[in-house]
Protein backbone atom coordinates (compact mmCIF):
# COMPACT_ATOMS: atom_id res chain seq x y z
CA MET A 1 -26.72 13.57 26.87
CA SER A 2 -27.58 9.90 27.34
CA ALA A 3 -24.95 7.14 27.26
CA VAL A 4 -26.43 5.84 23.98
CA ALA A 5 -26.26 9.28 22.41
CA ARG A 6 -22.67 9.70 23.51
CA ARG A 7 -21.73 6.35 21.91
CA VAL A 8 -23.46 7.34 18.66
CA LEU A 9 -21.70 10.70 18.63
CA ALA A 10 -18.33 9.05 19.27
CA ALA A 11 -18.92 6.64 16.40
CA LEU A 12 -19.83 9.48 14.05
CA VAL A 13 -16.72 11.42 15.02
CA ALA A 14 -14.50 8.38 14.46
CA LEU A 15 -16.05 7.34 11.14
CA PRO A 16 -14.14 9.74 8.85
CA LEU A 17 -10.87 8.38 10.23
CA LEU A 18 -11.71 4.80 9.34
CA VAL A 19 -10.42 4.77 5.79
CA LEU A 20 -7.49 7.13 6.31
CA ALA A 21 -5.98 4.97 9.02
CA LEU A 22 -5.58 1.98 6.75
CA GLY A 23 -2.25 1.16 5.13
CA ALA A 24 -1.24 -0.60 2.00
CA CYS A 25 -0.69 -4.11 3.16
CA GLY A 26 -3.77 -6.24 3.30
CA TYR A 27 -6.06 -5.41 6.18
CA GLY A 28 -9.31 -3.57 6.86
CA SER A 29 -12.86 -3.95 5.64
CA GLN A 30 -14.62 -4.35 2.31
CA LYS A 31 -14.26 -2.06 -0.67
CA ASP A 32 -15.24 1.53 -0.08
CA THR A 33 -16.76 3.02 -3.21
CA THR A 34 -16.91 2.88 -6.98
CA ARG A 35 -17.00 6.13 -8.87
CA SER A 36 -16.52 7.66 -12.27
CA ALA A 37 -13.04 9.01 -12.76
CA ALA A 38 -13.92 11.77 -15.20
CA PRO A 39 -14.19 15.32 -13.79
CA ASP A 40 -17.62 15.78 -15.38
CA GLY A 41 -18.89 12.54 -13.85
CA SER A 42 -19.23 10.82 -17.20
CA GLY A 43 -16.56 8.19 -16.68
CA GLY A 44 -15.16 8.97 -20.10
CA GLY A 45 -11.54 8.78 -21.05
CA GLY A 46 -9.28 11.65 -21.96
CA GLY A 47 -10.63 11.98 -25.51
CA GLY A 48 -9.36 10.39 -28.68
CA LYS A 49 -9.39 6.87 -30.02
CA ARG A 50 -10.70 4.07 -27.85
CA LEU A 51 -8.22 1.31 -27.06
CA SER A 52 -8.99 -2.42 -27.22
CA ALA A 53 -11.24 -2.29 -24.13
CA ASP A 54 -14.27 -0.05 -23.67
CA THR A 55 -13.47 0.34 -19.97
CA VAL A 56 -10.58 -0.36 -17.62
CA ARG A 57 -11.35 -0.80 -13.93
CA ILE A 58 -8.58 0.10 -11.50
CA GLY A 59 -8.44 -0.21 -7.73
CA TYR A 60 -6.32 1.39 -5.05
CA PHE A 61 -6.42 2.46 -1.40
CA PRO A 62 -7.20 6.00 -0.21
CA ASN A 63 -3.78 6.13 1.40
CA ILE A 64 -0.57 8.00 0.67
CA THR A 65 1.38 4.76 0.19
CA HIS A 66 -0.73 4.65 -2.99
CA ALA A 67 0.41 8.14 -3.99
CA THR A 68 0.96 7.17 -7.63
CA ALA A 69 -2.65 6.12 -8.03
CA LEU A 70 -4.03 9.04 -6.01
CA VAL A 71 -2.12 11.61 -8.03
CA GLY A 72 -2.41 9.78 -11.34
CA ASP A 73 -6.17 9.66 -10.98
CA HIS A 74 -6.70 13.12 -9.49
CA GLU A 75 -4.44 14.91 -11.98
CA GLY A 76 -5.76 13.02 -15.01
CA PHE A 77 -2.59 11.15 -16.01
CA PHE A 78 -4.49 7.89 -16.54
CA ARG A 79 -7.40 9.47 -18.43
CA LYS A 80 -5.05 11.23 -20.81
CA GLU A 81 -3.26 8.01 -21.75
CA LEU A 82 -6.46 5.99 -22.12
CA GLY A 83 -7.90 8.17 -24.87
CA GLY A 84 -11.51 7.11 -25.49
CA THR A 85 -11.37 4.12 -23.14
CA ARG A 86 -13.42 4.71 -20.02
CA LEU A 87 -11.80 4.62 -16.58
CA ARG A 88 -13.61 3.24 -13.57
CA VAL A 89 -12.07 3.54 -10.11
CA THR A 90 -12.79 1.51 -6.98
CA ALA A 91 -11.27 2.50 -3.64
CA PHE A 92 -10.53 -0.38 -1.29
CA ASN A 93 -9.83 -0.56 2.42
CA ALA A 94 -8.19 -3.97 2.34
CA GLY A 95 -5.71 -5.97 0.30
CA PRO A 96 -7.69 -9.24 0.51
CA SER A 97 -10.85 -7.58 -0.82
CA GLU A 98 -8.89 -6.03 -3.68
CA ILE A 99 -7.35 -9.40 -4.58
CA GLU A 100 -10.82 -10.96 -4.42
CA ALA A 101 -12.11 -8.29 -6.79
CA LEU A 102 -9.21 -8.90 -9.18
CA ASN A 103 -9.78 -12.64 -9.12
CA ALA A 104 -13.52 -12.19 -9.64
CA GLY A 105 -13.00 -9.86 -12.58
CA SER A 106 -14.49 -6.83 -10.80
CA ILE A 107 -11.30 -4.84 -11.37
CA ASP A 108 -8.54 -5.24 -13.93
CA ILE A 109 -5.56 -3.42 -12.43
CA GLY A 110 -4.76 -2.64 -8.81
CA TRP A 111 -2.27 -0.91 -6.56
CA ILE A 112 -1.54 -3.21 -3.63
CA GLY A 113 1.06 -4.19 -1.05
CA PRO A 114 3.54 -7.06 -1.40
CA SER A 115 1.94 -9.46 1.09
CA PRO A 116 -1.51 -9.67 -0.56
CA ALA A 117 0.15 -9.74 -3.98
CA VAL A 118 2.23 -12.78 -2.98
CA ASN A 119 -0.76 -14.44 -1.32
CA GLY A 120 -2.96 -13.83 -4.36
CA PHE A 121 -0.32 -15.21 -6.69
CA THR A 122 0.49 -18.34 -4.69
CA LYS A 123 -3.11 -19.24 -3.79
CA SER A 124 -4.08 -19.18 -7.47
CA GLY A 125 -1.09 -21.28 -8.48
CA GLY A 126 0.31 -18.30 -10.36
CA LYS A 127 -2.70 -18.11 -12.68
CA ASN A 128 -4.59 -14.96 -11.68
CA LEU A 129 -2.25 -11.98 -11.43
CA ARG A 130 1.06 -10.49 -12.44
CA ILE A 131 3.02 -7.64 -10.89
CA VAL A 132 3.63 -5.22 -13.74
CA SER A 133 5.21 -2.26 -11.96
CA GLY A 134 6.41 -0.84 -8.71
CA SER A 135 4.76 2.16 -7.13
CA ALA A 136 6.22 3.07 -3.73
CA SER A 137 9.02 2.30 -1.33
CA GLY A 138 9.33 3.02 2.37
CA GLY A 139 6.78 4.54 4.71
CA VAL A 140 7.02 2.05 7.60
CA ARG A 141 8.24 2.95 11.08
CA LEU A 142 8.47 1.65 14.62
CA VAL A 143 6.89 4.36 16.77
CA VAL A 144 6.91 4.05 20.56
CA ASP A 145 5.80 5.85 23.70
CA PRO A 146 9.07 7.54 24.79
CA ARG A 147 7.98 7.36 28.44
CA LYS A 148 8.06 3.57 28.24
CA VAL A 149 10.60 2.78 25.53
CA GLY A 150 13.85 4.71 25.37
CA SER A 151 15.94 2.47 23.11
CA LEU A 152 15.62 -0.49 20.77
CA ASP A 153 16.68 -2.83 23.58
CA ASP A 154 13.78 -1.50 25.67
CA VAL A 155 11.31 -3.04 23.19
CA LYS A 156 11.80 -6.37 24.97
CA GLY A 157 8.89 -7.04 27.29
CA LYS A 158 6.68 -4.40 25.68
CA ARG A 159 3.38 -4.58 23.79
CA ILE A 160 3.91 -3.58 20.16
CA ALA A 161 1.11 -3.40 17.60
CA THR A 162 1.25 -4.58 14.00
CA PRO A 163 -1.67 -4.32 11.55
CA GLN A 164 -2.52 -8.00 11.08
CA LYS A 165 -1.01 -11.44 11.60
CA GLY A 166 1.12 -12.27 8.60
CA ASN A 167 0.77 -8.90 6.90
CA THR A 168 3.85 -7.13 5.55
CA GLN A 169 4.61 -5.12 8.68
CA ASP A 170 3.90 -8.06 11.00
CA VAL A 171 6.41 -10.18 9.08
CA ALA A 172 8.99 -7.39 9.11
CA PHE A 173 8.64 -6.92 12.86
CA LEU A 174 8.90 -10.65 13.59
CA ASN A 175 12.00 -10.82 11.40
CA TRP A 176 13.55 -7.87 13.27
CA LEU A 177 12.75 -9.48 16.63
CA SER A 178 14.41 -12.70 15.48
CA GLY A 179 17.49 -10.72 14.54
CA LYS A 180 17.61 -9.37 18.09
CA GLY A 181 17.60 -12.94 19.38
CA TRP A 182 14.17 -12.62 21.00
CA LYS A 183 11.60 -15.41 20.77
CA VAL A 184 7.97 -14.79 19.78
CA ASP A 185 5.37 -17.35 18.76
CA PRO A 186 4.27 -16.17 15.28
CA GLN A 187 0.72 -17.46 15.70
CA SER A 188 -0.15 -16.05 19.13
CA GLY A 189 2.27 -13.14 19.14
CA LYS A 190 3.36 -14.07 22.67
CA GLY A 191 6.96 -14.19 23.81
CA ASP A 192 9.82 -11.89 24.72
CA VAL A 193 7.78 -9.13 23.06
CA SER A 194 3.98 -9.15 22.89
CA VAL A 195 2.99 -8.62 19.26
CA VAL A 196 -0.53 -7.19 19.35
CA ARG A 197 -2.29 -7.53 15.99
CA THR A 198 -4.39 -4.37 15.87
CA ASP A 199 -6.25 -2.91 12.90
CA ASN A 200 -4.60 0.39 11.99
CA LYS A 201 -7.87 2.24 12.32
CA VAL A 202 -7.84 1.64 16.08
CA THR A 203 -4.08 1.68 16.72
CA PRO A 204 -3.98 5.43 17.51
CA ASP A 205 -6.65 4.96 20.21
CA ALA A 206 -4.81 1.92 21.58
CA PHE A 207 -1.60 3.96 21.70
CA ARG A 208 -3.35 6.93 23.33
CA SER A 209 -4.91 4.72 26.00
CA GLY A 210 -1.63 2.96 26.75
CA SER A 211 -2.88 -0.50 25.82
CA VAL A 212 0.08 -0.76 23.43
CA ASP A 213 3.53 0.72 23.98
CA GLY A 214 4.28 1.24 20.31
CA ALA A 215 3.57 0.01 16.81
CA TRP A 216 5.40 -1.14 13.68
CA VAL A 217 3.08 0.45 11.12
CA PRO A 218 2.88 2.09 7.69
CA GLU A 219 2.05 5.69 6.96
CA PRO A 220 0.01 7.65 7.77
CA THR A 221 -0.56 5.66 10.97
CA ALA A 222 3.07 6.14 12.02
CA SER A 223 2.79 9.92 11.72
CA GLN A 224 -0.57 9.85 13.52
CA LEU A 225 1.19 8.19 16.46
CA VAL A 226 3.96 10.78 16.38
CA ALA A 227 1.32 13.51 16.46
CA LEU A 228 0.00 11.85 19.63
CA GLY A 229 3.41 12.13 21.29
CA GLY A 230 5.11 9.03 19.92
CA LYS A 231 8.76 8.80 18.95
CA VAL A 232 10.16 7.16 15.82
CA LEU A 233 12.53 4.55 17.19
CA LEU A 234 13.31 2.86 13.86
CA ASP A 235 12.60 3.52 10.20
CA GLU A 236 12.33 0.19 8.37
CA ALA A 237 14.13 1.72 5.39
CA ASP A 238 17.31 1.68 7.49
CA LEU A 239 17.19 -2.13 7.48
CA TRP A 240 17.27 -2.45 3.67
CA PRO A 241 20.05 -1.98 1.09
CA ASP A 242 19.95 1.55 -0.31
CA LYS A 243 17.09 2.20 2.15
CA LYS A 244 14.59 0.89 -0.40
CA PHE A 245 11.94 -1.83 -0.06
CA VAL A 246 8.63 -2.37 -1.79
CA ILE A 247 5.48 -1.17 -0.04
CA THR A 248 3.14 -0.89 -3.06
CA ASN A 249 3.06 -2.70 -6.42
CA VAL A 250 0.85 -2.52 -9.48
CA VAL A 251 -0.84 -5.84 -10.27
CA VAL A 252 -2.99 -6.84 -13.23
CA SER A 253 -5.37 -9.66 -13.98
CA GLN A 254 -3.49 -12.10 -16.17
CA LYS A 255 -6.52 -12.46 -18.46
CA PHE A 256 -6.80 -8.70 -18.88
CA LEU A 257 -3.09 -8.41 -19.63
CA GLU A 258 -3.36 -11.07 -22.33
CA ARG A 259 -6.47 -9.58 -23.92
CA HIS A 260 -5.72 -5.86 -23.57
CA PRO A 261 -1.96 -5.22 -23.45
CA ASP A 262 -2.45 -1.77 -25.02
CA VAL A 263 -4.70 -0.73 -22.14
CA VAL A 264 -2.22 -2.01 -19.55
CA GLU A 265 0.53 -0.06 -21.31
CA ALA A 266 -1.63 3.08 -21.27
CA VAL A 267 -2.23 2.81 -17.52
CA LEU A 268 1.48 2.20 -16.98
CA ARG A 269 2.32 5.27 -19.07
CA GLY A 270 0.06 7.24 -16.76
CA SER A 271 1.76 5.67 -13.75
CA VAL A 272 5.27 6.44 -15.03
CA ARG A 273 4.31 10.02 -15.85
CA ALA A 274 2.58 10.46 -12.50
CA ASN A 275 5.70 9.27 -10.68
CA ALA A 276 7.87 11.65 -12.68
CA TRP A 277 5.51 14.55 -11.93
CA ILE A 278 5.47 13.70 -8.21
CA LYS A 279 9.27 13.81 -8.13
CA GLU A 280 9.43 17.05 -10.12
CA HIS A 281 6.62 18.82 -8.22
CA PRO A 282 6.65 17.37 -4.69
CA GLU A 283 4.65 20.15 -3.02
CA GLN A 284 1.98 20.19 -5.72
CA ALA A 285 1.85 16.41 -5.66
CA GLU A 286 1.45 16.34 -1.89
CA ALA A 287 -1.48 18.74 -2.17
CA ALA A 288 -2.97 16.70 -5.03
CA ALA A 289 -2.73 13.48 -3.03
CA ASN A 290 -4.44 15.11 -0.05
CA ALA A 291 -7.15 16.53 -2.31
CA ALA A 292 -7.73 13.02 -3.66
CA LEU A 293 -7.98 11.69 -0.12
CA ARG A 294 -10.53 14.37 0.70
CA SER A 295 -12.53 13.47 -2.39
CA LEU A 296 -12.50 9.76 -1.59
CA THR A 297 -13.06 9.88 2.17
CA GLY A 298 -14.51 13.29 2.94
CA LYS A 299 -11.52 14.23 5.11
CA ALA A 300 -7.98 15.31 4.30
CA LEU A 301 -4.97 14.50 6.46
CA PRO A 302 -3.89 17.34 8.78
CA PRO A 303 -0.54 18.98 7.96
CA GLU A 304 1.22 17.54 11.01
CA VAL A 305 0.40 14.03 9.77
CA LEU A 306 0.58 14.55 6.01
CA ALA A 307 3.97 16.26 5.80
CA PRO A 308 6.12 13.64 7.58
CA ALA A 309 4.15 10.77 6.07
CA TRP A 310 4.64 12.16 2.57
CA ARG A 311 8.39 12.62 3.09
CA SER A 312 8.78 8.99 4.14
CA ILE A 313 7.40 7.63 0.84
CA GLN A 314 9.40 7.31 -2.38
CA VAL A 315 7.45 6.70 -5.57
CA THR A 316 9.16 4.36 -8.01
CA ASP A 317 8.49 2.45 -11.20
CA ASP A 318 10.91 -0.22 -10.02
CA PRO A 319 9.07 -3.04 -8.20
CA LEU A 320 12.21 -3.70 -6.15
CA ALA A 321 11.72 -7.37 -6.85
CA ALA A 322 14.63 -8.57 -4.74
CA THR A 323 13.03 -7.02 -1.65
CA LEU A 324 9.72 -8.77 -2.32
CA ASP A 325 11.57 -12.07 -2.53
CA ALA A 326 13.33 -11.24 0.73
CA GLU A 327 10.03 -10.32 2.41
CA ALA A 328 8.61 -13.69 1.38
CA ASP A 329 11.68 -15.40 2.88
CA HIS A 330 11.13 -13.46 6.11
CA ALA A 331 7.56 -14.80 6.28
CA VAL A 332 8.83 -18.35 5.75
CA ARG A 333 11.42 -17.98 8.51
CA ALA A 334 8.77 -16.53 10.81
CA GLY A 335 6.64 -19.64 10.30
CA LEU A 336 3.80 -17.72 8.68
CA LEU A 337 4.22 -18.91 5.09
CA ASP A 338 5.25 -22.08 3.32
CA LYS A 339 8.12 -21.53 0.91
CA PRO A 340 6.42 -19.97 -2.14
CA ASP A 341 7.40 -20.42 -5.75
CA LEU A 342 7.33 -16.85 -7.06
CA SER A 343 8.62 -17.71 -10.53
CA GLY A 344 6.60 -15.70 -13.02
CA ILE A 345 5.02 -13.32 -10.53
CA TYR A 346 6.44 -10.38 -12.52
CA ASP A 347 5.79 -9.39 -16.10
CA LEU A 348 7.73 -6.19 -16.57
CA ARG A 349 7.72 -6.22 -20.37
CA PRO A 350 4.91 -3.64 -20.69
CA LEU A 351 6.56 -1.36 -18.14
CA ASN A 352 9.98 -1.59 -19.75
CA LYS A 353 8.43 -0.87 -23.14
CA VAL A 354 6.87 2.28 -21.68
CA ARG A 355 10.10 3.27 -19.95
CA ALA A 356 12.14 2.71 -23.14
CA ALA A 357 9.79 5.00 -25.07
CA ALA A 358 10.36 7.63 -22.37
CA GLY A 359 14.14 7.23 -22.61
CA LEU A 360 14.38 5.44 -19.26
CA PRO A 361 16.40 2.31 -18.45
CA PRO A 362 14.67 -1.03 -17.83
CA VAL A 363 13.87 -2.34 -14.36
CA ASP A 364 14.67 -5.85 -13.19
CA ALA A 365 12.46 -8.74 -12.03
CA ALA A 366 15.23 -10.42 -9.98
CA ARG A 367 14.81 -13.63 -12.03
CA LEU A 368 11.15 -13.89 -10.99
CA GLY A 369 9.45 -13.08 -14.28
CA GLU A 370 9.50 -12.08 -17.89
CA GLN A 371 11.18 -8.81 -18.82
């Protein structure tokens, strides 16, 4: 086989992993695909009366940190609540491209990580989006090569990957390094620890080759590294009160929320019911999420990656607003973000209306929005 043929073959083998390796926090390439959400390919809703919009367009990542959307879509929770309103789904590989689509009016509602949500809100002067629900907590770990790093103190002097400069995991790692008293330039990543900004789709290869000694990454990348012989040195959940911190939110175009509150409420009902079903049927939900991944990307996660990744995620309606505010403060302290004004970033009134109808208590916006 020629060298060219070998390179082509390697690229073809690696291609199915491209989407699965991406996390929920604003990195990657352009949007992946747009498809009809109805099982028969029609794009129709779940039957019944049409709501105030003919169609609602939602976006999410083909990633288990977006389990609510994966399961809610695959199991028909959204379609059922939308009645005769059509559902269109776009899968994204990157937070910035999803925010761009929301701002451009290409999608109406999206599942997205805290960093792109904050960036999208602040860059628009608070005019383009609102966080209307939580979706997931957890799912971020520091995984290292145990031959090179035996303890947390051993991280000093090592090369540790994060997904992207200024993304949620990068900020969290820089904040943790600061707490250890180690100095790192936030722009270059150079210092007592070398922070290597590496797209998650190539982090496993970088880890395998030894070009990085570990990575602070979301799932399923963390579990992919463990499957390659890595060791979990720290679970980020252990750094947060009650071991909870936001990894995925639900955001909505402010214009769409104003014009079609009934549709937003319907999608949130589907989200709340999907989260309840995931908690009540964890094994079925895990299989459903993997089936959705297979449908979206052509490849499911292997059991040795899926199982630990799934266990590290907690679905939640609560946006854990106080942790988003803290994450923004971490970015400011790291020198990666000017102090943002997040007042009004949340509008939890539709969610709390849905939760009240389901006999559930309200969730809190930590003084950052309407409730």
